[in-house]
Amino acid sequence: MIQRTMTAALIAAALSTSAMAAGAMAPMQMAATDAPNTIVMKNFDFTPMMMTVNAGTTVTWRNMDEEPHTVVSADGLFRSAALDTKETFTFKFVKAGVYKYVCSIHPKMVGTITVK
């Protein structure tokens, strides 16, 4: 009887650990399923920080932080309003070049789009 109870407890612990591990991976899976050419703002970072696209491509930035963020190009080509949680900003890149951008609220957040 004690052995059966011990076995049941071990199985329950293993299932609980598996469920927690699956829950911990959910945000990574969510990020992986974002639409192509989407940059996520989370944990005060742009992910990915660098992206290469073809001319004519529209890039979307999505704020998944609890804090507002902006997307502002260094050359003044594009500038978003402050984006709250789950809000997006899109920009179509029509000309080849390297475009650096920053969050004007949190200037340590930087990224680069390379357009071919």
PDB file of N, CA and C in Angstrom:
ATOM      1  N   MET A   1       0.816  -1.191   0.000  1.00  0.00           N
ATOM      2  CA  MET A   1       0.000   0.000   0.000  1.00  0.00           C
ATOM      3  C   MET A   1       0.867   1.265   0.000  1.00  0.00           C
ATOM      4  N   ILE A   2       1.918   1.270   0.830  1.00  0.00           N
ATOM      5  CA  ILE A   2       2.808   2.424   0.886  1.00  0.00           C
ATOM      6  C   ILE A   2       3.518   2.594  -0.449  1.00  0.00           C
ATOM      7  N   GLN A   3       3.921   1.466  -1.065  1.00  0.00           N
ATOM      8  CA  GLN A   3       4.617   1.550  -2.349  1.00  0.00           C
ATOM      9  C   GLN A   3       3.692   2.123  -3.423  1.00  0.00           C
ATOM     10  N   ARG A   4       2.407   1.723  -3.422  1.00  0.00           N
ATOM     11  CA  ARG A   4       1.452   2.251  -4.397  1.00  0.00           C
ATOM     12  C   ARG A   4       1.266   3.759  -4.216  1.00  0.00           C
ATOM     13  N   THR A   5       1.158   4.204  -2.983  1.00  0.00           N
ATOM     14  CA  THR A   5       1.000   5.629  -2.691  1.00  0.00           C
ATOM     15  C   THR A   5       2.237   6.397  -3.144  1.00  0.00           C
ATOM     16  N   MET A   6       3.414   5.822  -2.889  1.00  0.00           N
ATOM     17  CA  MET A   6       4.671   6.452  -3.294  1.00  0.00           C
ATOM     18  C   MET A   6       4.753   6.534  -4.815  1.00  0.00           C
ATOM     19  N   THR A   7       4.374   5.469  -5.517  1.00  0.00           N
ATOM     20  CA  THR A   7       4.394   5.459  -6.982  1.00  0.00           C
ATOM     21  C   THR A   7       3.434   6.512  -7.528  1.00  0.00           C
ATOM     22  N   ALA A   8       2.241   6.587  -6.963  1.00  0.00           N
ATOM     23  CA  ALA A   8       1.258   7.581  -7.412  1.00  0.00           C
ATOM     24  C   ALA A   8       1.791   8.995  -7.192  1.00  0.00           C
ATOM     25  N   ALA A   9       2.452   9.223  -6.075  1.00  0.00           N
ATOM     26  CA  ALA A   9       3.015  10.549  -5.791  1.00  0.00           C
ATOM     27  C   ALA A   9       4.116  10.901  -6.780  1.00  0.00           C
ATOM     28  N   LEU A  10       4.964   9.938  -7.117  1.00  0.00           N
ATOM     29  CA  LEU A  10       6.030  10.181  -8.095  1.00  0.00           C
ATOM     30  C   LEU A  10       5.461  10.488  -9.475  1.00  0.00           C
ATOM     31  N   ILE A  11       4.425   9.762  -9.878  1.00  0.00           N
ATOM     32  CA  ILE A  11       3.791  10.015 -11.182  1.00  0.00           C
ATOM     33  C   ILE A  11       3.173  11.413 -11.189  1.00  0.00           C
ATOM     34  N   ALA A  12       2.480  11.778 -10.111  1.00  0.00           N
ATOM     35  CA  ALA A  12       1.863  13.106 -10.033  1.00  0.00           C
ATOM     36  C   ALA A  12       2.924  14.199 -10.105  1.00  0.00           C
ATOM     37  N   ALA A  13       4.037  14.003  -9.421  1.00  0.00           N
ATOM     38  CA  ALA A  13       5.117  14.993  -9.453  1.00  0.00           C
ATOM     39  C   ALA A  13       5.700  15.121 -10.849  1.00  0.00           C
ATOM     40  N   ALA A  14       5.881  13.997 -11.533  1.00  0.00           N
ATOM     41  CA  ALA A  14       6.425  14.026 -12.894  1.00  0.00           C
ATOM     42  C   ALA A  14       5.480  14.749 -13.842  1.00  0.00           C
ATOM     43  N   LEU A  15       4.183  14.473 -13.731  1.00  0.00           N
ATOM     44  CA  LEU A  15       3.209  15.147 -14.594  1.00  0.00           C
ATOM     45  C   LEU A  15       3.163  16.637 -14.300  1.00  0.00           C
ATOM     46  N   SER A  16       3.243  17.004 -13.034  1.00  0.00           N
ATOM     47  CA  SER A  16       3.231  18.410 -12.653  1.00  0.00           C
ATOM     48  C   SER A  16       4.445  19.141 -13.217  1.00  0.00           C
ATOM     49  N   THR A  17       5.620  18.511 -13.145  1.00  0.00           N
ATOM     50  CA  THR A  17       6.845  19.103 -13.688  1.00  0.00           C
ATOM     51  C   THR A  17       6.743  19.265 -15.192  1.00  0.00           C
ATOM     52  N   SER A  18       6.180  18.273 -15.875  1.00  0.00           N
ATOM     53  CA  SER A  18       6.005  18.362 -17.331  1.00  0.00           C
ATOM     54  C   SER A  18       5.071  19.499 -17.695  1.00  0.00           C
ATOM     55  N   ALA A  19       3.994  19.650 -16.935  1.00  0.00           N
ATOM     56  CA  ALA A  19       3.042  20.728 -17.220  1.00  0.00           C
ATOM     57  C   ALA A  19       3.686  22.089 -17.013  1.00  0.00           C
ATOM     58  N   MET A  20       4.501  22.228 -15.946  1.00  0.00           N
ATOM     59  CA  MET A  20       5.177  23.505 -15.709  1.00  0.00           C
ATOM     60  C   MET A  20       6.178  23.795 -16.814  1.00  0.00           C
ATOM     61  N   ALA A  21       6.897  22.796 -17.268  1.00  0.00           N
ATOM     62  CA  ALA A  21       7.870  22.995 -18.342  1.00  0.00           C
ATOM     63  C   ALA A  21       7.166  23.412 -19.617  1.00  0.00           C
ATOM     64  N   ALA A  22       6.034  22.799 -19.909  1.00  0.00           N
ATOM     65  CA  ALA A  22       5.281  23.166 -21.115  1.00  0.00           C
ATOM     66  C   ALA A  22       4.784  24.597 -21.004  1.00  0.00           C
ATOM     67  N   GLY A  23       4.331  25.003 -19.810  1.00  0.00           N
ATOM     68  CA  GLY A  23       3.875  26.375 -19.614  1.00  0.00           C
ATOM     69  C   GLY A  23       5.003  27.368 -19.754  1.00  0.00           C
ATOM     70  N   ALA A  24       6.184  27.016 -19.299  1.00  0.00           N
ATOM     71  CA  ALA A  24       7.334  27.909 -19.398  1.00  0.00           C
ATOM     72  C   ALA A  24       7.756  28.108 -20.839  1.00  0.00           C
ATOM     73  N   MET A  25       7.481  27.144 -21.702  1.00  0.00           N
ATOM     74  CA  MET A  25       7.882  27.249 -23.098  1.00  0.00           C
ATOM     75  C   MET A  25       6.841  27.973 -23.947  1.00  0.00           C
ATOM     76  N   ALA A  26       5.646  28.166 -23.435  1.00  0.00           N
ATOM     77  CA  ALA A  26       4.577  28.757 -24.234  1.00  0.00           C
ATOM     78  C   ALA A  26       4.953  30.105 -24.844  1.00  0.00           C
ATOM     79  N   PRO A  27       5.570  31.061 -24.103  1.00  0.00           N
ATOM     80  CA  PRO A  27       5.915  32.331 -24.738  1.00  0.00           C
ATOM     81  C   PRO A  27       6.875  32.163 -25.911  1.00  0.00           C
ATOM     82  N   MET A  28       7.823  31.225 -25.810  1.00  0.00           N
ATOM     83  CA  MET A  28       8.748  31.011 -26.913  1.00  0.00           C
ATOM     84  C   MET A  28       8.003  30.476 -28.131  1.00  0.00           C
ATOM     85  N   GLN A  29       7.062  29.566 -27.892  1.00  0.00           N
ATOM     86  CA  GLN A  29       6.291  29.031 -28.998  1.00  0.00           C
ATOM     87  C   GLN A  29       5.444  30.129 -29.631  1.00  0.00           C
ATOM     88  N   MET A  30       4.883  31.014 -28.801  1.00  0.00           N
ATOM     89  CA  MET A  30       4.073  32.099 -29.325  1.00  0.00           C
ATOM     90  C   MET A  30       4.916  33.013 -30.208  1.00  0.00           C
ATOM     91  N   ALA A  31       6.110  33.340 -29.755  1.00  0.00           N
ATOM     92  CA  ALA A  31       6.979  34.211 -30.546  1.00  0.00           C
ATOM     93  C   ALA A  31       7.351  33.551 -31.860  1.00  0.00           C
ATOM     94  N   ALA A  32       7.538  32.234 -31.837  1.00  0.00           N
ATOM     95  CA  ALA A  32       7.934  31.528 -33.049  1.00  0.00           C
ATOM     96  C   ALA A  32       6.813  31.506 -34.078  1.00  0.00           C
ATOM     97  N   THR A  33       5.562  31.646 -33.634  1.00  0.00           N
ATOM     98  CA  THR A  33       4.451  31.574 -34.572  1.00  0.00           C
ATOM     99  C   THR A  33       3.997  32.953 -35.051  1.00  0.00           C
ATOM    100  N   ASP A  34       4.689  34.018 -34.629  1.00  0.00           N
ATOM    101  CA  ASP A  34       4.336  35.347 -35.122  1.00  0.00           C
ATOM    102  C   ASP A  34       4.475  35.388 -36.636  1.00  0.00           C
ATOM    103  N   ALA A  35       3.742  36.292 -37.240  1.00  0.00           N
ATOM    104  CA  ALA A  35       3.784  36.434 -38.692  1.00  0.00           C
ATOM    105  C   ALA A  35       5.199  36.767 -39.152  1.00  0.00           C
ATOM    106  N   PRO A  36       5.519  36.405 -40.389  1.00  0.00           N
ATOM    107  CA  PRO A  36       6.839  36.761 -40.926  1.00  0.00           C
ATOM    108  C   PRO A  36       7.013  38.282 -40.907  1.00  0.00           C
ATOM    109  N   ASN A  37       8.252  38.702 -40.779  1.00  0.00           N
ATOM    110  CA  ASN A  37       8.594  40.128 -40.784  1.00  0.00           C
ATOM    111  C   ASN A  37       7.954  40.886 -39.625  1.00  0.00           C
ATOM    112  N   THR A  38       7.805  40.192 -38.493  1.00  0.00           N
ATOM    113  CA  THR A  38       7.285  40.813 -37.279  1.00  0.00           C
ATOM    114  C   THR A  38       8.395  40.897 -36.247  1.00  0.00           C
ATOM    115  N   ILE A  39       8.521  42.060 -35.642  1.00  0.00           N
ATOM    116  CA  ILE A  39       9.487  42.278 -34.571  1.00  0.00           C
ATOM    117  C   ILE A  39       8.686  42.480 -33.293  1.00  0.00           C
ATOM    118  N   VAL A  40       9.022  41.708 -32.267  1.00  0.00           N
ATOM    119  CA  VAL A  40       8.303  41.763 -30.998  1.00  0.00           C
ATOM    120  C   VAL A  40       9.095  42.598 -30.002  1.00  0.00           C
ATOM    121  N   MET A  41       8.397  43.488 -29.308  1.00  0.00           N
ATOM    122  CA  MET A  41       8.988  44.271 -28.227  1.00  0.00           C
ATOM    123  C   MET A  41       8.591  43.596 -26.925  1.00  0.00           C
ATOM    124  N   LYS A  42       9.576  43.008 -26.250  1.00  0.00           N
ATOM    125  CA  LYS A  42       9.320  42.273 -25.008  1.00  0.00           C
ATOM    126  C   LYS A  42      10.570  42.329 -24.152  1.00  0.00           C
ATOM    127  N   ASN A  43      10.382  42.473 -22.844  1.00  0.00           N
ATOM    128  CA  ASN A  43      11.504  42.545 -21.905  1.00  0.00           C
ATOM    129  C   ASN A  43      12.489  43.654 -22.287  1.00  0.00           C
ATOM    130  N   PHE A  44      11.945  44.761 -22.788  1.00  0.00           N
ATOM    131  CA  PHE A  44      12.740  45.929 -23.168  1.00  0.00           C
ATOM    132  C   PHE A  44      13.787  45.590 -24.226  1.00  0.00           C
ATOM    133  N   ASP A  45      13.393  44.757 -25.185  1.00  0.00           N
ATOM    134  CA  ASP A  45      14.227  44.383 -26.331  1.00  0.00           C
ATOM    135  C   ASP A  45      13.365  44.291 -27.576  1.00  0.00           C
ATOM    136  N   PHE A  46      13.985  44.510 -28.728  1.00  0.00           N
ATOM    137  CA  PHE A  46      13.369  44.197 -30.012  1.00  0.00           C
ATOM    138  C   PHE A  46      13.851  42.797 -30.387  1.00  0.00           C
ATOM    139  N   THR A  47      12.934  41.895 -30.736  1.00  0.00           N
ATOM    140  CA  THR A  47      13.305  40.535 -31.122  1.00  0.00           C
ATOM    141  C   THR A  47      12.653  40.188 -32.448  1.00  0.00           C
ATOM    142  N   PRO A  48      13.439  39.916 -33.479  1.00  0.00           N
ATOM    143  CA  PRO A  48      14.897  39.963 -33.506  1.00  0.00           C
ATOM    144  C   PRO A  48      15.391  41.412 -33.558  1.00  0.00           C
ATOM    145  N   MET A  49      16.636  41.612 -33.129  1.00  0.00           N
ATOM    146  CA  MET A  49      17.227  42.957 -33.151  1.00  0.00           C
ATOM    147  C   MET A  49      17.636  43.359 -34.561  1.00  0.00           C
ATOM    148  N   MET A  50      17.947  42.365 -35.389  1.00  0.00           N
ATOM    149  CA  MET A  50      18.354  42.626 -36.776  1.00  0.00           C
ATOM    150  C   MET A  50      17.489  41.785 -37.701  1.00  0.00           C
ATOM    151  N   MET A  51      17.045  42.401 -38.803  1.00  0.00           N
ATOM    152  CA  MET A  51      16.217  41.698 -39.776  1.00  0.00           C
ATOM    153  C   MET A  51      16.635  42.145 -41.170  1.00  0.00           C
ATOM    154  N   THR A  52      16.640  41.206 -42.116  1.00  0.00           N
ATOM    155  CA  THR A  52      16.913  41.520 -43.518  1.00  0.00           C
ATOM    156  C   THR A  52      15.667  41.192 -44.322  1.00  0.00           C
ATOM    157  N   VAL A  53      15.221  42.149 -45.142  1.00  0.00           N
ATOM    158  CA  VAL A  53      14.024  41.968 -45.968  1.00  0.00           C
ATOM    159  C   VAL A  53      14.308  42.485 -47.376  1.00  0.00           C
ATOM    160  N   ASN A  54      13.454  42.126 -48.291  1.00  0.00           N
ATOM    161  CA  ASN A  54      13.532  42.647 -49.657  1.00  0.00           C
ATOM    162  C   ASN A  54      12.797  43.981 -49.735  1.00  0.00           C
ATOM    163  N   ALA A  55      13.204  44.823 -50.664  1.00  0.00           N
ATOM    164  CA  ALA A  55      12.498  46.087 -50.895  1.00  0.00           C
ATOM    165  C   ALA A  55      11.039  45.777 -51.201  1.00  0.00           C
ATOM    166  N   GLY A  56      10.144  46.593 -50.681  1.00  0.00           N
ATOM    167  CA  GLY A  56       8.713  46.380 -50.866  1.00  0.00           C
ATOM    168  C   GLY A  56       8.066  45.600 -49.732  1.00  0.00           C
ATOM    169  N   THR A  57       8.857  45.172 -48.756  1.00  0.00           N
ATOM    170  CA  THR A  57       8.348  44.385 -47.632  1.00  0.00           C
ATOM    171  C   THR A  57       7.816  45.298 -46.533  1.00  0.00           C
ATOM    172  N   THR A  58       6.697  44.901 -45.950  1.00  0.00           N
ATOM    173  CA  THR A  58       6.148  45.601 -44.797  1.00  0.00           C
ATOM    174  C   THR A  58       6.590  44.874 -43.534  1.00  0.00           C
ATOM    175  N   VAL A  59       7.143  45.625 -42.592  1.00  0.00           N
ATOM    176  CA  VAL A  59       7.575  45.077 -41.305  1.00  0.00           C
ATOM    177  C   VAL A  59       6.589  45.559 -40.244  1.00  0.00           C
ATOM    178  N   THR A  60       6.253  44.655 -39.327  1.00  0.00           N
ATOM    179  CA  THR A  60       5.347  44.975 -38.225  1.00  0.00           C
ATOM    180  C   THR A  60       6.089  44.851 -36.905  1.00  0.00           C
ATOM    181  N   TRP A  61       5.940  45.848 -36.059  1.00  0.00           N
ATOM    182  CA  TRP A  61       6.459  45.798 -34.696  1.00  0.00           C
ATOM    183  C   TRP A  61       5.266  45.602 -33.773  1.00  0.00           C
ATOM    184  N   ARG A  62       5.360  44.659 -32.832  1.00  0.00           N
ATOM    185  CA  ARG A  62       4.267  44.367 -31.895  1.00  0.00           C
ATOM    186  C   ARG A  62       4.794  44.499 -30.464  1.00  0.00           C
ATOM    187  N   ASN A  63       4.141  45.346 -29.674  1.00  0.00           N
ATOM    188  CA  ASN A  63       4.541  45.531 -28.281  1.00  0.00           C
ATOM    189  C   ASN A  63       3.882  44.469 -27.404  1.00  0.00           C
ATOM    190  N   MET A  64       4.680  43.607 -26.806  1.00  0.00           N
ATOM    191  CA  MET A  64       4.174  42.585 -25.892  1.00  0.00           C
ATOM    192  C   MET A  64       4.658  42.842 -24.460  1.00  0.00           C
ATOM    193  N   ASP A  65       5.180  44.039 -24.218  1.00  0.00           N
ATOM    194  CA  ASP A  65       5.566  44.448 -22.867  1.00  0.00           C
ATOM    195  C   ASP A  65       4.377  45.112 -22.185  1.00  0.00           C
ATOM    196  N   GLU A  66       4.474  45.259 -20.883  1.00  0.00           N
ATOM    197  CA  GLU A  66       3.454  45.982 -20.119  1.00  0.00           C
ATOM    198  C   GLU A  66       3.733  47.484 -20.113  1.00  0.00           C
ATOM    199  N   GLU A  67       4.830  47.890 -20.703  1.00  0.00           N
ATOM    200  CA  GLU A  67       5.217  49.298 -20.795  1.00  0.00           C
ATOM    201  C   GLU A  67       5.046  49.771 -22.237  1.00  0.00           C
ATOM    202  N   PRO A  68       4.738  51.047 -22.456  1.00  0.00           N
ATOM    203  CA  PRO A  68       4.657  51.552 -23.827  1.00  0.00           C
ATOM    204  C   PRO A  68       6.041  51.639 -24.463  1.00  0.00           C
ATOM    205  N   HIS A  69       6.089  51.467 -25.778  1.00  0.00           N
ATOM    206  CA  HIS A  69       7.323  51.597 -26.552  1.00  0.00           C
ATOM    207  C   HIS A  69       7.022  52.348 -27.842  1.00  0.00           C
ATOM    208  N   THR A  70       8.071  52.887 -28.454  1.00  0.00           N
ATOM    209  CA  THR A  70       7.955  53.521 -29.769  1.00  0.00           C
ATOM    210  C   THR A  70       8.943  52.862 -30.716  1.00  0.00           C
ATOM    211  N   VAL A  71       8.761  53.134 -31.998  1.00  0.00           N
ATOM    212  CA  VAL A  71       9.696  52.700 -33.043  1.00  0.00           C
ATOM    213  C   VAL A  71      10.035  53.948 -33.840  1.00  0.00           C
ATOM    214  N   VAL A  72      11.293  54.402 -33.735  1.00  0.00           N
ATOM    215  CA  VAL A  72      11.704  55.654 -34.370  1.00  0.00           C
ATOM    216  C   VAL A  72      12.989  55.408 -35.147  1.00  0.00           C
ATOM    217  N   SER A  73      12.955  55.692 -36.457  1.00  0.00           N
ATOM    218  CA  SER A  73      14.167  55.488 -37.263  1.00  0.00           C
ATOM    219  C   SER A  73      15.155  56.619 -37.013  1.00  0.00           C
ATOM    220  N   ALA A  74      16.430  56.267 -37.057  1.00  0.00           N
ATOM    221  CA  ALA A  74      17.494  57.248 -36.818  1.00  0.00           C
ATOM    222  C   ALA A  74      17.498  58.347 -37.874  1.00  0.00           C
ATOM    223  N   ASP A  75      17.068  58.015 -39.102  1.00  0.00           N
ATOM    224  CA  ASP A  75      17.088  58.998 -40.192  1.00  0.00           C
ATOM    225  C   ASP A  75      15.772  59.766 -40.332  1.00  0.00           C
ATOM    226  N   GLY A  76      14.820  59.532 -39.423  1.00  0.00           N
ATOM    227  CA  GLY A  76      13.551  60.250 -39.457  1.00  0.00           C
ATOM    228  C   GLY A  76      12.546  59.725 -40.465  1.00  0.00           C
ATOM    229  N   LEU A  77      12.822  58.595 -41.096  1.00  0.00           N
ATOM    230  CA  LEU A  77      11.935  58.045 -42.121  1.00  0.00           C
ATOM    231  C   LEU A  77      10.604  57.564 -41.547  1.00  0.00           C
ATOM    232  N   PHE A  78      10.623  56.982 -40.357  1.00  0.00           N
ATOM    233  CA  PHE A  78       9.376  56.519 -39.737  1.00  0.00           C
ATOM    234  C   PHE A  78       9.424  56.752 -38.234  1.00  0.00           C
ATOM    235  N   ARG A  79       8.220  56.924 -37.663  1.00  0.00           N
ATOM    236  CA  ARG A  79       8.089  57.184 -36.224  1.00  0.00           C
ATOM    237  C   ARG A  79       6.701  56.741 -35.786  1.00  0.00           C
ATOM    238  N   SER A  80       6.651  55.834 -34.826  1.00  0.00           N
ATOM    239  CA  SER A  80       5.353  55.397 -34.307  1.00  0.00           C
ATOM    240  C   SER A  80       4.940  56.288 -33.139  1.00  0.00           C
ATOM    241  N   ALA A  81       3.666  56.242 -32.845  1.00  0.00           N
ATOM    242  CA  ALA A  81       3.184  56.799 -31.583  1.00  0.00           C
ATOM    243  C   ALA A  81       3.581  55.809 -30.491  1.00  0.00           C
ATOM    244  N   ALA A  82       3.370  56.156 -29.234  1.00  0.00           N
ATOM    245  CA  ALA A  82       3.622  55.207 -28.142  1.00  0.00           C
ATOM    246  C   ALA A  82       2.660  54.035 -28.302  1.00  0.00           C
ATOM    247  N   LEU A  83       3.218  52.831 -28.308  1.00  0.00           N
ATOM    248  CA  LEU A  83       2.424  51.613 -28.486  1.00  0.00           C
ATOM    249  C   LEU A  83       2.203  50.947 -27.138  1.00  0.00           C
ATOM    250  N   ASP A  84       0.953  50.754 -26.778  1.00  0.00           N
ATOM    251  CA  ASP A  84       0.639  50.030 -25.554  1.00  0.00           C
ATOM    252  C   ASP A  84       0.680  48.527 -25.826  1.00  0.00           C
ATOM    253  N   THR A  85       0.483  47.734 -24.793  1.00  0.00           N
ATOM    254  CA  THR A  85       0.538  46.276 -24.903  1.00  0.00           C
ATOM    255  C   THR A  85      -0.367  45.774 -26.028  1.00  0.00           C
ATOM    256  N   LYS A  86       0.193  44.938 -26.884  1.00  0.00           N
ATOM    257  CA  LYS A  86      -0.460  44.281 -28.024  1.00  0.00           C
ATOM    258  C   LYS A  86      -0.743  45.218 -29.199  1.00  0.00           C
ATOM    259  N   GLU A  87      -0.362  46.474 -29.111  1.00  0.00           N
ATOM    260  CA  GLU A  87      -0.534  47.375 -30.251  1.00  0.00           C
ATOM    261  C   GLU A  87       0.614  47.171 -31.232  1.00  0.00           C
ATOM    262  N   THR A  88       0.358  47.516 -32.503  1.00  0.00           N
ATOM    263  CA  THR A  88       1.354  47.312 -33.552  1.00  0.00           C
ATOM    264  C   THR A  88       1.602  48.596 -34.334  1.00  0.00           C
ATOM    265  N   PHE A  89       2.750  48.599 -35.007  1.00  0.00           N
ATOM    266  CA  PHE A  89       3.135  49.653 -35.942  1.00  0.00           C
ATOM    267  C   PHE A  89       3.703  48.955 -37.167  1.00  0.00           C
ATOM    268  N   THR A  90       3.329  49.415 -38.355  1.00  0.00           N
ATOM    269  CA  THR A  90       3.859  48.819 -39.584  1.00  0.00           C
ATOM    270  C   THR A  90       4.502  49.891 -40.442  1.00  0.00           C
ATOM    271  N   PHE A  91       5.499  49.461 -41.208  1.00  0.00           N
ATOM    272  CA  PHE A  91       6.162  50.349 -42.154  1.00  0.00           C
ATOM    273  C   PHE A  91       6.604  49.532 -43.356  1.00  0.00           C
ATOM    274  N   LYS A  92       6.361  50.074 -44.553  1.00  0.00           N
ATOM    275  CA  LYS A  92       6.766  49.411 -45.793  1.00  0.00           C
ATOM    276  C   LYS A  92       8.095  50.003 -46.254  1.00  0.00           C
ATOM    277  N   PHE A  93       9.103  49.134 -46.394  1.00  0.00           N
ATOM    278  CA  PHE A  93      10.433  49.550 -46.837  1.00  0.00           C
ATOM    279  C   PHE A  93      10.511  49.424 -48.353  1.00  0.00           C
ATOM    280  N   VAL A  94      10.610  50.558 -49.047  1.00  0.00           N
ATOM    281  CA  VAL A  94      10.597  50.540 -50.512  1.00  0.00           C
ATOM    282  C   VAL A  94      11.978  50.692 -51.131  1.00  0.00           C
ATOM    283  N   LYS A  95      12.945  51.147 -50.350  1.00  0.00           N
ATOM    284  CA  LYS A  95      14.272  51.428 -50.890  1.00  0.00           C
ATOM    285  C   LYS A  95      15.333  50.632 -50.138  1.00  0.00           C
ATOM    286  N   ALA A  96      16.292  50.075 -50.889  1.00  0.00           N
ATOM    287  CA  ALA A  96      17.393  49.326 -50.266  1.00  0.00           C
ATOM    288  C   ALA A  96      18.193  50.238 -49.337  1.00  0.00           C
ATOM    289  N   GLY A  97      18.706  49.655 -48.269  1.00  0.00           N
ATOM    290  CA  GLY A  97      19.525  50.412 -47.323  1.00  0.00           C
ATOM    291  C   GLY A  97      19.542  49.748 -45.962  1.00  0.00           C
ATOM    292  N   VAL A  98      20.221  50.394 -45.045  1.00  0.00           N
ATOM    293  CA  VAL A  98      20.288  49.927 -43.659  1.00  0.00           C
ATOM    294  C   VAL A  98      19.579  50.969 -42.807  1.00  0.00           C
ATOM    295  N   TYR A  99      18.570  50.527 -42.074  1.00  0.00           N
ATOM    296  CA  TYR A  99      17.730  51.426 -41.292  1.00  0.00           C
ATOM    297  C   TYR A  99      17.849  51.072 -39.809  1.00  0.00           C
ATOM    298  N   LYS A 100      18.434  51.973 -39.047  1.00  0.00           N
ATOM    299  CA  LYS A 100      18.559  51.779 -37.601  1.00  0.00           C
ATOM    300  C   LYS A 100      17.371  52.459 -36.929  1.00  0.00           C
ATOM    301  N   TYR A 101      16.886  51.833 -35.860  1.00  0.00           N
ATOM    302  CA  TYR A 101      15.752  52.409 -35.140  1.00  0.00           C
ATOM    303  C   TYR A 101      15.935  52.203 -33.639  1.00  0.00           C
ATOM    304  N   VAL A 102      15.126  52.927 -32.865  1.00  0.00           N
ATOM    305  CA  VAL A 102      15.243  52.942 -31.409  1.00  0.00           C
ATOM    306  C   VAL A 102      13.858  53.152 -30.812  1.00  0.00           C
ATOM    307  N   CYS A 103      13.694  52.759 -29.562  1.00  0.00           N
ATOM    308  CA  CYS A 103      12.518  53.155 -28.786  1.00  0.00           C
ATOM    309  C   CYS A 103      12.883  54.482 -28.131  1.00  0.00           C
ATOM    310  N   SER A 104      12.158  55.538 -28.448  1.00  0.00           N
ATOM    311  CA  SER A 104      12.511  56.856 -27.905  1.00  0.00           C
ATOM    312  C   SER A 104      12.240  56.957 -26.405  1.00  0.00           C
ATOM    313  N   ILE A 105      11.432  56.066 -25.864  1.00  0.00           N
ATOM    314  CA  ILE A 105      11.158  56.055 -24.426  1.00  0.00           C
ATOM    315  C   ILE A 105      12.264  55.309 -23.678  1.00  0.00           C
ATOM    316  N   HIS A 106      12.772  54.246 -24.309  1.00  0.00           N
ATOM    317  CA  HIS A 106      13.812  53.393 -23.706  1.00  0.00           C
ATOM    318  C   HIS A 106      14.966  53.286 -24.703  1.00  0.00           C
ATOM    319  N   PRO A 107      15.864  54.276 -24.751  1.00  0.00           N
ATOM    320  CA  PRO A 107      16.874  54.356 -25.809  1.00  0.00           C
ATOM    321  C   PRO A 107      17.890  53.218 -25.864  1.00  0.00           C
ATOM    322  N   LYS A 108      17.897  52.331 -24.865  1.00  0.00           N
ATOM    323  CA  LYS A 108      18.775  51.160 -24.959  1.00  0.00           C
ATOM    324  C   LYS A 108      18.167  50.091 -25.863  1.00  0.00           C
ATOM    325  N   MET A 109      16.895  50.257 -26.217  1.00  0.00           N
ATOM    326  CA  MET A 109      16.233  49.340 -27.153  1.00  0.00           C
ATOM    327  C   MET A 109      16.556  49.813 -28.567  1.00  0.00           C
ATOM    328  N   VAL A 110      17.356  49.044 -29.285  1.00  0.00           N
ATOM    329  CA  VAL A 110      17.759  49.423 -30.641  1.00  0.00           C
ATOM    330  C   VAL A 110      17.609  48.227 -31.570  1.00  0.00           C
ATOM    331  N   GLY A 111      17.474  48.520 -32.854  1.00  0.00           N
ATOM    332  CA  GLY A 111      17.390  47.467 -33.858  1.00  0.00           C
ATOM    333  C   GLY A 111      17.814  47.985 -35.214  1.00  0.00           C
ATOM    334  N   THR A 112      17.955  47.056 -36.158  1.00  0.00           N
ATOM    335  CA  THR A 112      18.385  47.399 -37.517  1.00  0.00           C
ATOM    336  C   THR A 112      17.605  46.566 -38.524  1.00  0.00           C
ATOM    337  N   ILE A 113      17.110  47.240 -39.554  1.00  0.00           N
ATOM    338  CA  ILE A 113      16.485  46.563 -40.696  1.00  0.00           C
ATOM    339  C   ILE A 113      17.399  46.782 -41.888  1.00  0.00           C
ATOM    340  N   THR A 114      17.806  45.702 -42.545  1.00  0.00           N
ATOM    341  CA  THR A 114      18.582  45.789 -43.783  1.00  0.00           C
ATOM    342  C   THR A 114      17.650  45.431 -44.924  1.00  0.00           C
ATOM    343  N   VAL A 115      17.544  46.340 -45.893  1.00  0.00           N
ATOM    344  CA  VAL A 115      16.659  46.132 -47.039  1.00  0.00           C
ATOM    345  C   VAL A 115      17.514  45.900 -48.267  1.00  0.00           C
ATOM    346  N   LYS A 116      17.257  44.775 -48.956  1.00  0.00           N
ATOM    347  CA  LYS A 116      18.009  44.427 -50.178  1.00  0.00           C
ATOM    348  C   LYS A 116      17.262  44.897 -51.407  1.00  0.00           C
TER     349      LYS A 116
END
